[in-house]
Structures are given as C-alpha cells and as structure tokens.
C-alpha cells in the first residue's frame, strides 16, 4: 500500500495556486480548514469543489471562496449590494431604458458566526460546491458540536470552582 505524503503550504501560496487553477477554468478540490461553517462543513473532515464562475452569477445562499486580508475565507453569501445602472434597451412598453443592478459587494458570513464580512467583487475567487449530507448526519454534527461546547463550559467552570 502506498503512503500518502502531504505537504502543507502557507495560505498565500495555496491561494495563489488555487487562483491560477480557477483562472485557467479548472475545478479545484480543497479540504476544509476551520470551524466557521459548522455543522455543514467540519474542519479536516470535509472537502469542497471550487468552480470558476462569473461573480454576477452568484446568489444569496451560495458559498464562495474569496480573498480576505492576507488569506482567504469560504463563507455563505447572505446579501448582495450593487449600484443601479441604466441601459439603453427598450422594454415591452416601448420605454427607452431599463435599470439593472450590478453586484459590487457580497456580504458573507460563516454559518457558525454572527459577524459578517463585506467582500468586494474583485476579491471573489470561486463558487464552492459543498458535499451532500443527509439531514440525520447534519443533526448528529449539530448535537456533537453542542456537546463539545457544553463540555468546554463545564471544564472552565470546574477550573474556577477548584480555584
């Protein structure tokens, strides 16, 4: 049996490699790191597929990969903001123009988080295809996550009590 050898790279290098592949029109497989998308995505247990898409095709509810400071994040789009543009086409009533909303910002948040990030469209990298999970598996993940938090609270409380 062949052993797999993994090479861990700094985030900047990984981001550069991912962006190169996405820019070439390729889909990239990325192991999940972090807990911000619990229970849907678990650290070191799940893998997502990153697809190159036009950012204007992204909608609320999609999970996207984007540049954030010196790293990257993968969170859900909870809102989109844009600016209204007037075009020179005719509508059904013969009107001389129409208004269209061009997305300029994605407002994103991890499923397990309260805070949001305002992401400029230029920082968008890819659309994430999430692994399919049945509802029972998601329920089990939620319960295990809750139990882990309760255990942490109890341990901290016992440390305070014991002094």
N, C-alpha and C. Protein backbone atom coordinates (compact mmCIF):
# COMPACT_ATOMS: atom_id res chain seq x y z
N UNK A 1 0.84 -1.18 0.00
CA UNK A 1 0.00 0.00 0.00
C UNK A 1 0.89 1.25 0.00
N UNK A 2 0.53 2.20 -0.84
CA UNK A 2 1.31 3.41 -0.97
C UNK A 2 0.92 4.44 0.10
N UNK A 3 1.91 5.01 0.76
CA UNK A 3 1.66 6.05 1.74
C UNK A 3 1.47 7.39 1.03
N UNK A 4 0.55 8.15 1.53
CA UNK A 4 0.36 9.50 1.01
C UNK A 4 1.20 10.46 1.82
N UNK A 5 1.88 11.32 1.13
CA UNK A 5 2.67 12.35 1.79
C UNK A 5 2.03 13.69 1.49
N UNK A 6 1.78 14.43 2.54
CA UNK A 6 1.16 15.72 2.39
C UNK A 6 2.19 16.81 2.63
N UNK A 7 2.08 17.84 1.84
CA UNK A 7 2.93 19.00 2.03
C UNK A 7 2.01 20.15 2.41
N UNK A 8 2.27 20.75 3.55
CA UNK A 8 1.46 21.87 3.99
C UNK A 8 2.13 23.16 3.53
N UNK A 9 1.33 24.01 2.89
CA UNK A 9 1.82 25.26 2.34
C UNK A 9 1.22 26.44 3.09
N UNK A 10 1.94 27.55 3.14
CA UNK A 10 1.35 28.76 3.72
C UNK A 10 0.13 29.20 2.91
N UNK A 11 -0.82 29.85 3.59
CA UNK A 11 -2.05 30.27 2.93
C UNK A 11 -1.81 31.08 1.66
N UNK A 12 -0.83 31.97 1.68
CA UNK A 12 -0.57 32.80 0.49
C UNK A 12 -0.23 31.95 -0.72
N UNK A 13 0.59 30.90 -0.50
CA UNK A 13 0.96 30.03 -1.61
C UNK A 13 -0.22 29.22 -2.11
N UNK A 14 -1.03 28.73 -1.18
CA UNK A 14 -2.21 27.95 -1.55
C UNK A 14 -3.18 28.82 -2.35
N UNK A 15 -3.41 30.04 -1.86
CA UNK A 15 -4.32 30.95 -2.54
C UNK A 15 -3.84 31.23 -3.96
N UNK A 16 -2.56 31.45 -4.13
CA UNK A 16 -2.01 31.71 -5.45
C UNK A 16 -2.23 30.51 -6.38
N UNK A 17 -1.98 29.30 -5.90
CA UNK A 17 -2.19 28.10 -6.70
C UNK A 17 -3.66 27.91 -7.07
N UNK A 18 -4.54 28.13 -6.10
CA UNK A 18 -5.97 28.00 -6.37
C UNK A 18 -6.41 29.02 -7.41
N UNK A 19 -5.99 30.26 -7.23
CA UNK A 19 -6.39 31.31 -8.19
C UNK A 19 -5.88 31.01 -9.60
N UNK A 20 -4.67 30.47 -9.71
CA UNK A 20 -4.13 30.11 -11.03
C UNK A 20 -5.00 29.04 -11.69
N UNK A 21 -5.36 28.02 -10.93
CA UNK A 21 -6.17 26.93 -11.48
C UNK A 21 -7.58 27.40 -11.84
N UNK A 22 -8.19 28.18 -10.96
CA UNK A 22 -9.53 28.71 -11.23
C UNK A 22 -9.48 29.63 -12.45
N UNK A 23 -8.44 30.48 -12.53
CA UNK A 23 -8.28 31.37 -13.67
C UNK A 23 -8.13 30.63 -14.98
N UNK A 24 -7.59 29.40 -14.92
CA UNK A 24 -7.43 28.58 -16.12
C UNK A 24 -8.70 27.79 -16.42
N UNK A 25 -9.77 28.03 -15.65
CA UNK A 25 -11.04 27.37 -15.90
C UNK A 25 -11.17 25.98 -15.30
N UNK A 26 -10.29 25.64 -14.38
CA UNK A 26 -10.31 24.31 -13.76
C UNK A 26 -11.05 24.33 -12.43
N UNK A 27 -11.62 23.19 -12.08
CA UNK A 27 -12.22 22.99 -10.77
C UNK A 27 -11.14 22.50 -9.81
N UNK A 28 -11.18 23.00 -8.58
CA UNK A 28 -10.16 22.67 -7.59
C UNK A 28 -10.83 22.02 -6.38
N UNK A 29 -10.23 20.95 -5.87
CA UNK A 29 -10.70 20.29 -4.65
C UNK A 29 -9.91 20.88 -3.47
N UNK A 30 -10.63 21.29 -2.42
CA UNK A 30 -9.99 21.93 -1.28
C UNK A 30 -10.50 21.32 0.02
N UNK A 31 -9.59 20.77 0.85
CA UNK A 31 -10.02 20.29 2.17
C UNK A 31 -10.41 21.49 3.05
N UNK A 32 -11.45 21.30 3.83
CA UNK A 32 -11.96 22.38 4.68
C UNK A 32 -11.07 22.51 5.90
N UNK A 33 -10.73 23.75 6.22
CA UNK A 33 -10.00 24.09 7.44
C UNK A 33 -10.80 25.15 8.18
N UNK A 34 -10.97 24.98 9.47
CA UNK A 34 -11.68 25.95 10.27
C UNK A 34 -13.07 25.47 10.64
N UNK A 35 -13.69 26.20 11.56
CA UNK A 35 -14.99 25.80 12.09
C UNK A 35 -16.11 26.80 11.81
N UNK A 36 -15.86 27.78 10.98
CA UNK A 36 -16.86 28.84 10.77
C UNK A 36 -18.09 28.38 10.02
N UNK A 37 -18.03 27.24 9.34
CA UNK A 37 -19.19 26.75 8.59
C UNK A 37 -19.82 25.52 9.23
N UNK A 38 -19.53 25.29 10.53
CA UNK A 38 -20.16 24.17 11.26
C UNK A 38 -21.67 24.37 11.30
N UNK A 39 -22.46 23.35 11.27
CA UNK A 39 -22.13 21.93 11.18
C UNK A 39 -22.04 21.41 9.74
N UNK A 40 -22.29 22.30 8.78
CA UNK A 40 -22.31 21.86 7.39
C UNK A 40 -20.95 21.38 6.91
N UNK A 41 -19.90 22.09 7.31
CA UNK A 41 -18.53 21.73 6.93
C UNK A 41 -17.69 21.61 8.19
N UNK A 42 -17.01 20.49 8.32
CA UNK A 42 -16.18 20.26 9.51
C UNK A 42 -14.70 20.31 9.15
N UNK A 43 -13.95 20.92 10.06
CA UNK A 43 -12.50 21.06 9.92
C UNK A 43 -11.84 19.71 9.69
N UNK A 44 -11.07 19.62 8.61
CA UNK A 44 -10.27 18.44 8.26
C UNK A 44 -11.09 17.18 7.94
N UNK A 45 -12.42 17.31 7.88
CA UNK A 45 -13.25 16.14 7.58
C UNK A 45 -13.95 16.26 6.24
N UNK A 46 -14.24 17.47 5.82
CA UNK A 46 -14.97 17.67 4.57
C UNK A 46 -14.07 18.28 3.50
N UNK A 47 -14.49 18.10 2.27
CA UNK A 47 -13.79 18.65 1.11
C UNK A 47 -14.82 19.33 0.21
N UNK A 48 -14.47 20.47 -0.34
CA UNK A 48 -15.36 21.16 -1.28
C UNK A 48 -14.70 21.21 -2.65
N UNK A 49 -15.54 21.39 -3.66
CA UNK A 49 -15.05 21.63 -5.02
C UNK A 49 -15.25 23.10 -5.32
N UNK A 50 -14.20 23.74 -5.80
CA UNK A 50 -14.26 25.16 -6.16
C UNK A 50 -14.37 25.30 -7.66
N UNK A 51 -15.41 25.99 -8.11
CA UNK A 51 -15.68 26.12 -9.54
C UNK A 51 -15.48 27.56 -10.00
N UNK A 52 -14.89 27.73 -11.18
CA UNK A 52 -14.80 29.08 -11.74
C UNK A 52 -16.17 29.50 -12.28
N UNK A 53 -16.67 30.64 -11.84
CA UNK A 53 -17.93 31.18 -12.33
C UNK A 53 -17.83 32.70 -12.41
N UNK A 54 -18.71 33.29 -13.19
CA UNK A 54 -18.83 34.75 -13.26
C UNK A 54 -19.42 35.22 -11.94
N UNK A 55 -18.79 36.16 -11.25
CA UNK A 55 -19.32 36.61 -9.95
C UNK A 55 -20.74 37.16 -10.04
N UNK A 56 -21.15 37.64 -11.20
CA UNK A 56 -22.51 38.15 -11.34
C UNK A 56 -23.55 37.02 -11.31
N UNK A 57 -23.09 35.76 -11.40
CA UNK A 57 -23.97 34.60 -11.34
C UNK A 57 -24.23 34.13 -9.90
N UNK A 58 -23.48 34.67 -8.95
CA UNK A 58 -23.60 34.27 -7.55
C UNK A 58 -24.88 34.83 -6.96
N UNK A 59 -25.52 34.04 -6.09
CA UNK A 59 -26.74 34.49 -5.45
C UNK A 59 -26.68 34.32 -3.94
N UNK A 60 -27.64 34.91 -3.26
CA UNK A 60 -27.73 34.76 -1.81
C UNK A 60 -27.91 33.28 -1.50
N UNK A 61 -27.16 32.78 -0.53
CA UNK A 61 -27.20 31.38 -0.16
C UNK A 61 -26.03 30.58 -0.70
N UNK A 62 -25.38 31.08 -1.75
CA UNK A 62 -24.20 30.41 -2.29
C UNK A 62 -23.03 30.54 -1.32
N UNK A 63 -22.15 29.56 -1.32
CA UNK A 63 -20.93 29.61 -0.53
C UNK A 63 -19.79 29.91 -1.50
N UNK A 64 -19.01 30.93 -1.18
CA UNK A 64 -17.94 31.36 -2.09
C UNK A 64 -16.60 31.40 -1.37
N UNK A 65 -15.55 31.29 -2.15
CA UNK A 65 -14.18 31.48 -1.67
C UNK A 65 -13.76 32.87 -2.10
N UNK A 66 -13.15 33.63 -1.19
CA UNK A 66 -12.73 34.99 -1.50
C UNK A 66 -11.49 35.37 -0.70
N UNK A 67 -10.78 36.37 -1.24
CA UNK A 67 -9.61 36.90 -0.54
C UNK A 67 -10.08 37.71 0.66
N UNK A 68 -9.39 37.51 1.78
CA UNK A 68 -9.71 38.27 2.98
C UNK A 68 -8.41 38.57 3.71
N UNK A 69 -8.02 39.83 3.71
CA UNK A 69 -6.75 40.27 4.27
C UNK A 69 -5.62 39.51 3.59
N UNK A 70 -4.75 38.84 4.33
CA UNK A 70 -3.63 38.10 3.73
C UNK A 70 -3.96 36.63 3.52
N UNK A 71 -5.22 36.28 3.58
CA UNK A 71 -5.60 34.89 3.49
C UNK A 71 -6.83 34.75 2.60
N UNK A 72 -7.62 33.73 2.84
CA UNK A 72 -8.89 33.58 2.14
C UNK A 72 -9.89 32.94 3.07
N UNK A 73 -11.17 33.18 2.78
CA UNK A 73 -12.27 32.62 3.56
C UNK A 73 -13.27 31.98 2.62
N UNK A 74 -14.04 31.07 3.16
CA UNK A 74 -15.12 30.44 2.42
C UNK A 74 -16.36 30.52 3.30
N UNK A 75 -17.24 31.45 2.96
CA UNK A 75 -18.46 31.68 3.73
C UNK A 75 -19.65 31.83 2.80
N UNK A 76 -20.82 31.85 3.40
CA UNK A 76 -22.08 31.95 2.66
C UNK A 76 -22.43 33.41 2.36
N UNK A 77 -22.92 33.66 1.17
CA UNK A 77 -23.40 34.99 0.78
C UNK A 77 -24.77 35.17 1.44
N UNK A 78 -24.90 36.21 2.28
CA UNK A 78 -26.17 36.48 2.95
C UNK A 78 -26.88 37.70 2.39
N UNK A 79 -26.13 38.50 1.61
CA UNK A 79 -26.71 39.70 1.00
C UNK A 79 -25.78 40.15 -0.12
N UNK A 80 -26.34 40.85 -1.09
CA UNK A 80 -25.53 41.41 -2.17
C UNK A 80 -25.88 42.88 -2.32
N UNK A 81 -24.86 43.67 -2.56
CA UNK A 81 -25.08 45.10 -2.75
C UNK A 81 -24.49 45.51 -4.09
N UNK A 82 -25.12 46.46 -4.72
CA UNK A 82 -24.64 46.88 -6.03
C UNK A 82 -24.98 48.33 -6.29
N UNK A 83 -24.87 48.68 -7.55
CA UNK A 83 -25.28 50.01 -7.95
C UNK A 83 -26.17 49.86 -9.17
N UNK A 84 -27.16 50.70 -9.24
CA UNK A 84 -28.11 50.63 -10.34
C UNK A 84 -27.51 51.28 -11.56
N UNK A 85 -27.63 50.57 -12.69
CA UNK A 85 -27.12 51.08 -13.96
C UNK A 85 -28.28 51.22 -14.92
N UNK A 86 -28.27 52.26 -15.72
CA UNK A 86 -29.31 52.46 -16.71
C UNK A 86 -28.78 52.01 -18.05
N UNK A 87 -29.52 51.13 -18.71
CA UNK A 87 -29.12 50.63 -20.02
C UNK A 87 -29.93 51.29 -21.12
N UNK A 88 -29.53 51.07 -22.35
CA UNK A 88 -30.19 51.71 -23.49
C UNK A 88 -31.06 50.73 -24.27
N UNK A 89 -31.65 49.78 -23.59
CA UNK A 89 -32.52 48.85 -24.29
C UNK A 89 -33.97 49.27 -24.12
N UNK A 90 -34.85 48.67 -24.92
CA UNK A 90 -36.27 49.00 -24.85
C UNK A 90 -37.01 47.90 -24.10
N UNK A 91 -37.96 48.32 -23.25
CA UNK A 91 -38.76 47.33 -22.55
C UNK A 91 -40.01 47.00 -23.36
N UNK A 92 -40.90 46.16 -22.81
CA UNK A 92 -42.10 45.72 -23.52
C UNK A 92 -43.05 46.86 -23.86
N UNK A 93 -43.03 47.91 -23.07
CA UNK A 93 -43.93 49.04 -23.30
C UNK A 93 -43.31 50.08 -24.23
N UNK A 94 -42.16 49.77 -24.80
CA UNK A 94 -41.52 50.72 -25.70
C UNK A 94 -40.69 51.77 -24.99
N UNK A 95 -40.48 51.60 -23.69
CA UNK A 95 -39.66 52.54 -22.94
C UNK A 95 -38.23 52.56 -23.46
N UNK A 96 -37.56 53.68 -23.27
CA UNK A 96 -36.23 53.85 -23.85
C UNK A 96 -35.11 53.27 -23.00
N UNK A 97 -35.37 52.92 -21.76
CA UNK A 97 -34.27 52.40 -20.95
C UNK A 97 -34.79 51.46 -19.87
N UNK A 98 -33.87 50.72 -19.28
CA UNK A 98 -34.20 49.87 -18.14
C UNK A 98 -33.11 50.00 -17.10
N UNK A 99 -33.41 49.57 -15.88
CA UNK A 99 -32.44 49.65 -14.81
C UNK A 99 -32.05 48.24 -14.42
N UNK A 100 -30.78 48.03 -14.22
CA UNK A 100 -30.26 46.72 -13.79
C UNK A 100 -29.32 46.92 -12.63
N UNK A 101 -29.32 45.96 -11.73
CA UNK A 101 -28.45 46.01 -10.55
C UNK A 101 -27.18 45.22 -10.83
N UNK A 102 -26.04 45.87 -10.78
CA UNK A 102 -24.75 45.18 -10.94
C UNK A 102 -24.16 44.96 -9.55
N UNK A 103 -23.84 43.73 -9.24
CA UNK A 103 -23.31 43.41 -7.91
C UNK A 103 -21.90 43.99 -7.77
N UNK A 104 -21.67 44.69 -6.67
CA UNK A 104 -20.36 45.26 -6.36
C UNK A 104 -19.78 44.67 -5.08
N UNK A 105 -20.65 44.22 -4.18
CA UNK A 105 -20.24 43.71 -2.88
C UNK A 105 -21.04 42.46 -2.54
N UNK A 106 -20.37 41.51 -1.91
CA UNK A 106 -21.04 40.37 -1.29
C UNK A 106 -20.93 40.56 0.22
N UNK A 107 -22.02 40.38 0.92
CA UNK A 107 -21.99 40.37 2.38
C UNK A 107 -22.02 38.89 2.76
N UNK A 108 -20.97 38.42 3.42
CA UNK A 108 -20.79 36.99 3.71
C UNK A 108 -20.71 36.74 5.21
N UNK A 109 -21.06 35.51 5.58
CA UNK A 109 -20.98 35.11 6.98
C UNK A 109 -20.82 33.60 7.05
N UNK A 110 -19.99 33.14 7.97
CA UNK A 110 -19.89 31.72 8.25
C UNK A 110 -21.16 31.27 8.96
N UNK A 111 -21.62 30.06 8.67
CA UNK A 111 -22.87 29.57 9.26
C UNK A 111 -22.81 29.54 10.79
N UNK A 112 -21.63 29.37 11.37
CA UNK A 112 -21.49 29.29 12.83
C UNK A 112 -21.13 30.64 13.45
N UNK A 113 -21.15 31.70 12.67
CA UNK A 113 -20.70 33.01 13.15
C UNK A 113 -21.84 34.02 13.17
N UNK A 114 -21.63 35.11 13.92
CA UNK A 114 -22.59 36.20 13.96
C UNK A 114 -22.17 37.38 13.09
N UNK A 115 -20.85 37.58 12.98
CA UNK A 115 -20.35 38.75 12.26
C UNK A 115 -20.31 38.47 10.75
N UNK A 116 -20.35 39.55 9.98
CA UNK A 116 -20.31 39.44 8.52
C UNK A 116 -19.06 40.13 7.98
N UNK A 117 -18.73 39.80 6.73
CA UNK A 117 -17.64 40.46 6.02
C UNK A 117 -18.22 41.08 4.75
N UNK A 118 -17.78 42.30 4.46
CA UNK A 118 -18.14 42.95 3.20
C UNK A 118 -17.02 42.67 2.21
N UNK A 119 -17.36 41.94 1.15
CA UNK A 119 -16.36 41.46 0.20
C UNK A 119 -16.57 42.14 -1.14
N UNK A 120 -15.56 42.86 -1.61
CA UNK A 120 -15.66 43.47 -2.93
C UNK A 120 -15.66 42.38 -3.99
N UNK A 121 -16.36 42.61 -5.07
CA UNK A 121 -16.48 41.61 -6.12
C UNK A 121 -15.11 41.22 -6.69
N UNK A 122 -14.15 42.14 -6.63
CA UNK A 122 -12.80 41.86 -7.12
C UNK A 122 -12.08 40.81 -6.28
N UNK A 123 -12.53 40.60 -5.04
CA UNK A 123 -11.91 39.62 -4.15
C UNK A 123 -12.54 38.23 -4.27
N UNK A 124 -13.59 38.11 -5.06
CA UNK A 124 -14.23 36.81 -5.30
C UNK A 124 -13.27 35.91 -6.07
N UNK A 125 -13.19 34.64 -5.66
CA UNK A 125 -12.33 33.67 -6.34
C UNK A 125 -13.14 32.57 -7.01
N UNK A 126 -14.03 31.91 -6.24
CA UNK A 126 -14.73 30.75 -6.81
C UNK A 126 -16.01 30.45 -6.04
N UNK A 127 -16.88 29.70 -6.70
CA UNK A 127 -18.09 29.17 -6.09
C UNK A 127 -17.76 27.81 -5.50
N UNK A 128 -18.17 27.57 -4.27
CA UNK A 128 -17.90 26.29 -3.60
C UNK A 128 -19.08 25.35 -3.76
N UNK A 129 -18.79 24.13 -4.21
CA UNK A 129 -19.78 23.06 -4.24
C UNK A 129 -19.58 22.25 -2.97
N UNK A 130 -20.61 22.21 -2.14
CA UNK A 130 -20.50 21.57 -0.84
C UNK A 130 -20.83 20.08 -0.93
N UNK A 131 -20.26 19.29 -0.04
CA UNK A 131 -20.60 17.86 -0.03
C UNK A 131 -22.06 17.68 0.38
N UNK A 132 -22.69 16.67 -0.18
CA UNK A 132 -24.08 16.38 0.16
C UNK A 132 -24.12 15.64 1.50
N UNK A 133 -24.93 16.14 2.41
CA UNK A 133 -25.11 15.49 3.71
C UNK A 133 -26.59 15.25 3.92
N UNK A 134 -26.93 14.08 4.43
CA UNK A 134 -28.34 13.86 4.73
C UNK A 134 -28.70 14.57 6.04
N UNK A 135 -29.98 14.84 6.26
CA UNK A 135 -30.39 15.60 7.45
C UNK A 135 -29.98 14.94 8.76
N UNK A 136 -29.99 13.62 8.82
CA UNK A 136 -29.58 12.94 10.06
C UNK A 136 -28.12 13.22 10.38
N UNK A 137 -27.26 13.19 9.37
CA UNK A 137 -25.84 13.47 9.58
C UNK A 137 -25.65 14.90 10.09
N UNK A 138 -26.38 15.85 9.52
CA UNK A 138 -26.27 17.24 9.98
C UNK A 138 -26.76 17.38 11.42
N UNK A 139 -27.82 16.66 11.76
CA UNK A 139 -28.33 16.71 13.13
C UNK A 139 -27.30 16.16 14.11
N UNK A 140 -26.69 15.04 13.76
CA UNK A 140 -25.65 14.45 14.62
C UNK A 140 -24.49 15.42 14.79
N UNK A 141 -24.09 16.08 13.69
CA UNK A 141 -23.00 17.05 13.77
C UNK A 141 -23.37 18.21 14.69
N UNK A 142 -24.62 18.69 14.61
CA UNK A 142 -25.05 19.79 15.48
C UNK A 142 -25.01 19.37 16.94
N UNK A 143 -25.52 18.17 17.24
CA UNK A 143 -25.54 17.69 18.62
C UNK A 143 -24.12 17.53 19.15
N UNK A 144 -23.22 16.94 18.36
CA UNK A 144 -21.83 16.78 18.80
C UNK A 144 -21.17 18.13 19.03
N UNK A 145 -21.45 19.09 18.17
CA UNK A 145 -20.90 20.43 18.36
C UNK A 145 -21.41 21.07 19.64
N UNK A 146 -22.71 20.93 19.90
CA UNK A 146 -23.30 21.47 21.11
C UNK A 146 -22.70 20.79 22.34
N UNK A 147 -22.58 19.47 22.31
CA UNK A 147 -21.99 18.75 23.44
C UNK A 147 -20.55 19.17 23.69
N UNK A 148 -19.81 19.41 22.63
CA UNK A 148 -18.43 19.87 22.78
C UNK A 148 -18.36 21.22 23.48
N UNK A 149 -19.30 22.13 23.12
CA UNK A 149 -19.33 23.43 23.78
C UNK A 149 -19.70 23.30 25.25
N UNK A 150 -20.69 22.45 25.55
CA UNK A 150 -21.09 22.23 26.94
C UNK A 150 -19.91 21.66 27.74
N UNK A 151 -19.20 20.72 27.16
CA UNK A 151 -18.03 20.15 27.83
C UNK A 151 -17.00 21.23 28.13
N UNK A 152 -16.75 22.12 27.19
CA UNK A 152 -15.81 23.21 27.41
C UNK A 152 -16.26 24.14 28.52
N UNK A 153 -17.55 24.47 28.54
CA UNK A 153 -18.08 25.32 29.61
C UNK A 153 -17.91 24.65 30.97
N UNK A 154 -18.24 23.36 31.03
CA UNK A 154 -18.11 22.64 32.30
C UNK A 154 -16.66 22.57 32.77
N UNK A 155 -15.74 22.34 31.88
CA UNK A 155 -14.33 22.28 32.25
C UNK A 155 -13.86 23.63 32.79
N UNK A 156 -14.24 24.71 32.13
CA UNK A 156 -13.85 26.05 32.61
C UNK A 156 -14.49 26.34 33.98
N UNK A 157 -15.74 25.96 34.15
CA UNK A 157 -16.43 26.17 35.41
C UNK A 157 -15.76 25.39 36.53
N UNK A 158 -15.41 24.13 36.25
CA UNK A 158 -14.74 23.32 37.27
C UNK A 158 -13.36 23.89 37.64
N UNK A 159 -12.67 24.42 36.67
CA UNK A 159 -11.36 25.03 36.97
C UNK A 159 -11.52 26.23 37.88
N UNK A 160 -12.57 27.03 37.66
CA UNK A 160 -12.82 28.19 38.53
C UNK A 160 -13.21 27.75 39.93
N UNK A 161 -14.06 26.73 40.02
CA UNK A 161 -14.53 26.24 41.32
C UNK A 161 -13.38 25.66 42.13
N UNK A 162 -12.52 24.92 41.47
CA UNK A 162 -11.38 24.30 42.15
C UNK A 162 -10.32 25.33 42.53
N UNK A 163 -10.38 26.46 41.86
CA UNK A 163 -9.51 27.57 42.18
C UNK A 163 -8.15 27.40 41.76
